[in-house]
Amino acid sequence: MKSIGVTELRQRTAEILEGLQDADEPIAILQRSQTTAYLVDAKRYEAEREELRAARRALFLREVREAEAEYAAGGTTPYQDMDALLADLRG
């Protein structure tokens, strides 16, 4: 991954932003030798956010299906009230 300092970013902002469109990876922005931010092409960022959103949704739906199957198979414990459930969760 390419890294650039804040000073270089200030001096070459337009050039660096143009280069992001062809970059395969984000650019790490360094301030006092520490990575403080990453620059990434907007289209790539939006695509990756959508991919993450879809993966989270798929995981949620899988967990719901597993819980429904467990419930249908009788693999759940009935509780009389919330206090009983909380006591069981605390161990």
N, C-alpha and C. Protein backbone atom coordinates (compact mmCIF):
# COMPACT_ATOMS: atom_id res chain seq x y z
N MET A 1 0.85 -1.16 0.00
CA MET A 1 0.00 0.00 0.00
C MET A 1 0.90 1.23 0.00
N LYS A 2 0.52 2.19 -0.80
CA LYS A 2 1.28 3.43 -0.89
C LYS A 2 0.95 4.32 0.31
N SER A 3 1.96 5.01 0.82
CA SER A 3 1.78 5.95 1.93
C SER A 3 2.31 7.31 1.52
N ILE A 4 1.62 8.36 1.96
CA ILE A 4 2.10 9.72 1.72
C ILE A 4 1.90 10.55 2.98
N GLY A 5 2.73 11.54 3.14
CA GLY A 5 2.61 12.43 4.29
C GLY A 5 1.56 13.51 4.04
N VAL A 6 1.12 14.12 5.12
CA VAL A 6 0.12 15.19 5.03
C VAL A 6 0.64 16.35 4.19
N THR A 7 1.91 16.70 4.35
CA THR A 7 2.49 17.81 3.58
C THR A 7 2.43 17.51 2.09
N GLU A 8 2.80 16.30 1.70
CA GLU A 8 2.74 15.91 0.29
C GLU A 8 1.30 15.94 -0.21
N LEU A 9 0.37 15.49 0.61
CA LEU A 9 -1.04 15.53 0.23
C LEU A 9 -1.49 16.96 -0.04
N ARG A 10 -1.10 17.89 0.82
CA ARG A 10 -1.45 19.30 0.62
C ARG A 10 -0.87 19.84 -0.69
N GLN A 11 0.35 19.46 -0.98
CA GLN A 11 1.04 20.00 -2.16
C GLN A 11 0.54 19.38 -3.46
N ARG A 12 0.11 18.14 -3.42
CA ARG A 12 -0.24 17.42 -4.66
C ARG A 12 -1.66 16.86 -4.63
N THR A 13 -2.59 17.53 -3.98
CA THR A 13 -3.94 17.00 -3.78
C THR A 13 -4.60 16.56 -5.09
N ALA A 14 -4.65 17.44 -6.07
CA ALA A 14 -5.34 17.11 -7.33
C ALA A 14 -4.70 15.90 -8.01
N GLU A 15 -3.39 15.85 -8.06
CA GLU A 15 -2.68 14.74 -8.68
C GLU A 15 -2.95 13.43 -7.95
N ILE A 16 -2.92 13.48 -6.64
CA ILE A 16 -3.16 12.28 -5.82
C ILE A 16 -4.59 11.78 -6.00
N LEU A 17 -5.54 12.69 -6.00
CA LEU A 17 -6.94 12.30 -6.18
C LEU A 17 -7.17 11.68 -7.55
N GLU A 18 -6.54 12.21 -8.57
CA GLU A 18 -6.66 11.63 -9.92
C GLU A 18 -6.08 10.22 -9.95
N GLY A 19 -4.98 10.01 -9.25
CA GLY A 19 -4.36 8.70 -9.20
C GLY A 19 -5.18 7.65 -8.48
N LEU A 20 -6.07 8.07 -7.62
CA LEU A 20 -6.91 7.11 -6.89
C LEU A 20 -7.81 6.31 -7.80
N GLN A 21 -8.23 6.91 -8.91
CA GLN A 21 -9.15 6.23 -9.82
C GLN A 21 -8.54 4.97 -10.41
N ASP A 22 -7.22 4.96 -10.58
CA ASP A 22 -6.54 3.79 -11.15
C ASP A 22 -5.90 2.90 -10.09
N ALA A 23 -5.96 3.31 -8.84
CA ALA A 23 -5.27 2.58 -7.77
C ALA A 23 -6.05 1.32 -7.37
N ASP A 24 -5.30 0.26 -7.11
CA ASP A 24 -5.92 -0.98 -6.65
C ASP A 24 -6.11 -1.00 -5.14
N GLU A 25 -5.38 -0.14 -4.44
CA GLU A 25 -5.44 -0.10 -2.98
C GLU A 25 -5.61 1.35 -2.53
N PRO A 26 -6.07 1.53 -1.29
CA PRO A 26 -6.14 2.88 -0.74
C PRO A 26 -4.74 3.44 -0.53
N ILE A 27 -4.66 4.72 -0.32
CA ILE A 27 -3.41 5.39 0.01
C ILE A 27 -3.47 5.76 1.49
N ALA A 28 -2.46 5.36 2.24
CA ALA A 28 -2.39 5.69 3.67
C ALA A 28 -1.84 7.11 3.80
N ILE A 29 -2.49 7.92 4.62
CA ILE A 29 -2.04 9.28 4.90
C ILE A 29 -1.32 9.25 6.24
N LEU A 30 -0.09 9.71 6.24
CA LEU A 30 0.73 9.68 7.46
C LEU A 30 0.86 11.08 8.05
N GLN A 31 0.75 11.15 9.34
CA GLN A 31 1.00 12.38 10.08
C GLN A 31 1.89 12.00 11.26
N ARG A 32 3.08 12.60 11.29
CA ARG A 32 4.08 12.25 12.30
C ARG A 32 4.37 10.76 12.32
N SER A 33 4.52 10.19 11.14
CA SER A 33 4.85 8.77 10.92
C SER A 33 3.75 7.80 11.37
N GLN A 34 2.57 8.31 11.66
CA GLN A 34 1.44 7.46 12.05
C GLN A 34 0.35 7.54 10.98
N THR A 35 -0.23 6.41 10.63
CA THR A 35 -1.35 6.42 9.69
C THR A 35 -2.55 7.06 10.36
N THR A 36 -3.05 8.13 9.75
CA THR A 36 -4.19 8.85 10.33
C THR A 36 -5.45 8.72 9.49
N ALA A 37 -5.29 8.34 8.21
CA ALA A 37 -6.46 8.23 7.33
C ALA A 37 -6.07 7.40 6.11
N TYR A 38 -7.08 7.00 5.37
CA TYR A 38 -6.88 6.31 4.11
C TYR A 38 -7.69 7.04 3.05
N LEU A 39 -7.11 7.17 1.87
CA LEU A 39 -7.83 7.71 0.72
C LEU A 39 -8.18 6.55 -0.19
N VAL A 40 -9.43 6.50 -0.61
CA VAL A 40 -9.87 5.43 -1.50
C VAL A 40 -10.82 6.05 -2.53
N ASP A 41 -10.81 5.51 -3.73
CA ASP A 41 -11.70 5.98 -4.79
C ASP A 41 -13.16 5.85 -4.33
N ALA A 42 -13.96 6.84 -4.62
CA ALA A 42 -15.36 6.86 -4.15
C ALA A 42 -16.16 5.67 -4.67
N LYS A 43 -15.99 5.31 -5.93
CA LYS A 43 -16.74 4.17 -6.48
C LYS A 43 -16.36 2.87 -5.78
N ARG A 44 -15.08 2.71 -5.52
CA ARG A 44 -14.62 1.50 -4.82
C ARG A 44 -15.17 1.48 -3.39
N TYR A 45 -15.14 2.62 -2.71
CA TYR A 45 -15.65 2.72 -1.35
C TYR A 45 -17.13 2.34 -1.31
N GLU A 46 -17.91 2.91 -2.23
CA GLU A 46 -19.35 2.62 -2.25
C GLU A 46 -19.62 1.15 -2.55
N ALA A 47 -18.85 0.57 -3.48
CA ALA A 47 -19.03 -0.85 -3.81
C ALA A 47 -18.69 -1.74 -2.61
N GLU A 48 -17.61 -1.41 -1.91
CA GLU A 48 -17.23 -2.21 -0.75
C GLU A 48 -18.22 -2.05 0.39
N ARG A 49 -18.77 -0.85 0.57
CA ARG A 49 -19.79 -0.65 1.60
C ARG A 49 -21.03 -1.48 1.28
N GLU A 50 -21.44 -1.51 0.02
CA GLU A 50 -22.60 -2.30 -0.37
C GLU A 50 -22.34 -3.79 -0.17
N GLU A 51 -21.13 -4.23 -0.49
CA GLU A 51 -20.76 -5.63 -0.28
C GLU A 51 -20.80 -5.98 1.20
N LEU A 52 -20.30 -5.11 2.05
CA LEU A 52 -20.34 -5.34 3.50
C LEU A 52 -21.78 -5.35 4.00
N ARG A 53 -22.60 -4.45 3.51
CA ARG A 53 -24.01 -4.41 3.91
C ARG A 53 -24.71 -5.71 3.53
N ALA A 54 -24.43 -6.21 2.33
CA ALA A 54 -25.05 -7.46 1.87
C ALA A 54 -24.56 -8.65 2.70
N ALA A 55 -23.29 -8.66 3.05
CA ALA A 55 -22.74 -9.75 3.86
C ALA A 55 -23.36 -9.74 5.26
N ARG A 56 -23.50 -8.56 5.84
CA ARG A 56 -24.13 -8.47 7.17
C ARG A 56 -25.57 -8.94 7.14
N ARG A 57 -26.29 -8.58 6.08
CA ARG A 57 -27.68 -8.99 5.96
C ARG A 57 -27.76 -10.51 5.80
N ALA A 58 -26.89 -11.09 4.98
CA ALA A 58 -26.88 -12.54 4.78
C ALA A 58 -26.58 -13.26 6.10
N LEU A 59 -25.63 -12.75 6.87
CA LEU A 59 -25.31 -13.35 8.16
C LEU A 59 -26.50 -13.26 9.11
N PHE A 60 -27.15 -12.11 9.16
CA PHE A 60 -28.33 -11.94 10.01
C PHE A 60 -29.42 -12.93 9.64
N LEU A 61 -29.71 -13.04 8.33
CA LEU A 61 -30.77 -13.95 7.89
C LEU A 61 -30.41 -15.41 8.19
N ARG A 62 -29.12 -15.78 8.05
CA ARG A 62 -28.70 -17.14 8.38
C ARG A 62 -28.91 -17.42 9.87
N GLU A 63 -28.56 -16.45 10.71
CA GLU A 63 -28.74 -16.63 12.15
C GLU A 63 -30.22 -16.74 12.52
N VAL A 64 -31.07 -15.98 11.84
CA VAL A 64 -32.51 -16.07 12.09
C VAL A 64 -33.02 -17.46 11.69
N ARG A 65 -32.59 -17.95 10.53
CA ARG A 65 -33.01 -19.29 10.09
C ARG A 65 -32.55 -20.36 11.07
N GLU A 66 -31.32 -20.23 11.58
CA GLU A 66 -30.81 -21.20 12.55
C GLU A 66 -31.62 -21.15 13.84
N ALA A 67 -31.97 -19.96 14.29
CA ALA A 67 -32.77 -19.82 15.51
C ALA A 67 -34.17 -20.40 15.30
N GLU A 68 -34.75 -20.17 14.13
CA GLU A 68 -36.07 -20.72 13.84
C GLU A 68 -36.03 -22.24 13.81
N ALA A 69 -34.97 -22.80 13.22
CA ALA A 69 -34.83 -24.26 13.17
C ALA A 69 -34.65 -24.84 14.56
N GLU A 70 -33.87 -24.18 15.38
CA GLU A 70 -33.67 -24.64 16.76
C GLU A 70 -34.98 -24.60 17.53
N TYR A 71 -35.73 -23.53 17.34
CA TYR A 71 -37.02 -23.40 18.02
C TYR A 71 -37.98 -24.50 17.56
N ALA A 72 -38.03 -24.73 16.25
CA ALA A 72 -38.94 -25.75 15.70
C ALA A 72 -38.56 -27.15 16.17
N ALA A 73 -37.27 -27.39 16.39
CA ALA A 73 -36.82 -28.71 16.84
C ALA A 73 -36.96 -28.88 18.35
N GLY A 74 -37.43 -27.84 19.01
CA GLY A 74 -37.62 -27.94 20.46
C GLY A 74 -36.33 -27.75 21.23
N GLY A 75 -35.35 -27.16 20.60
CA GLY A 75 -34.06 -26.98 21.26
C GLY A 75 -33.95 -25.69 22.04
N THR A 76 -35.07 -25.16 22.47
CA THR A 76 -35.04 -23.91 23.24
C THR A 76 -35.55 -24.16 24.65
N THR A 77 -35.18 -23.27 25.52
CA THR A 77 -35.62 -23.37 26.92
C THR A 77 -36.70 -22.32 27.16
N PRO A 78 -37.85 -22.73 27.64
CA PRO A 78 -38.89 -21.74 27.96
C PRO A 78 -38.59 -21.06 29.30
N TYR A 79 -38.89 -19.79 29.38
CA TYR A 79 -38.68 -19.01 30.61
C TYR A 79 -39.99 -18.39 31.03
N GLN A 80 -40.19 -18.34 32.35
CA GLN A 80 -41.42 -17.77 32.87
C GLN A 80 -41.43 -16.25 32.76
N ASP A 81 -40.24 -15.65 32.90
CA ASP A 81 -40.17 -14.20 32.82
C ASP A 81 -38.75 -13.78 32.43
N MET A 82 -38.55 -12.50 32.23
CA MET A 82 -37.26 -11.96 31.80
C MET A 82 -36.18 -12.18 32.86
N ASP A 83 -36.52 -12.10 34.12
CA ASP A 83 -35.53 -12.30 35.19
C ASP A 83 -34.94 -13.70 35.13
N ALA A 84 -35.75 -14.69 34.83
CA ALA A 84 -35.26 -16.06 34.73
C ALA A 84 -34.30 -16.21 33.54
N LEU A 85 -34.64 -15.58 32.43
CA LEU A 85 -33.78 -15.61 31.25
C LEU A 85 -32.44 -14.95 31.55
N LEU A 86 -32.48 -13.77 32.17
CA LEU A 86 -31.26 -13.06 32.51
C LEU A 86 -30.39 -13.83 33.48
N ALA A 87 -31.00 -14.47 34.46
CA ALA A 87 -30.26 -15.28 35.41
C ALA A 87 -29.56 -16.43 34.71
N ASP A 88 -30.23 -17.05 33.75
CA ASP A 88 -29.64 -18.17 33.01
C ASP A 88 -28.47 -17.67 32.13
N LEU A 89 -28.63 -16.51 31.53
CA LEU A 89 -27.57 -15.95 30.69
C LEU A 89 -26.33 -15.58 31.50
N ARG A 90 -26.54 -15.14 32.72
CA ARG A 90 -25.40 -14.77 33.57
C ARG A 90 -24.64 -15.98 34.09
N GLY A 91 -25.28 -17.14 33.99
CA GLY A 91 -24.60 -18.36 34.37
C GLY A 91 -24.87 -18.73 35.75
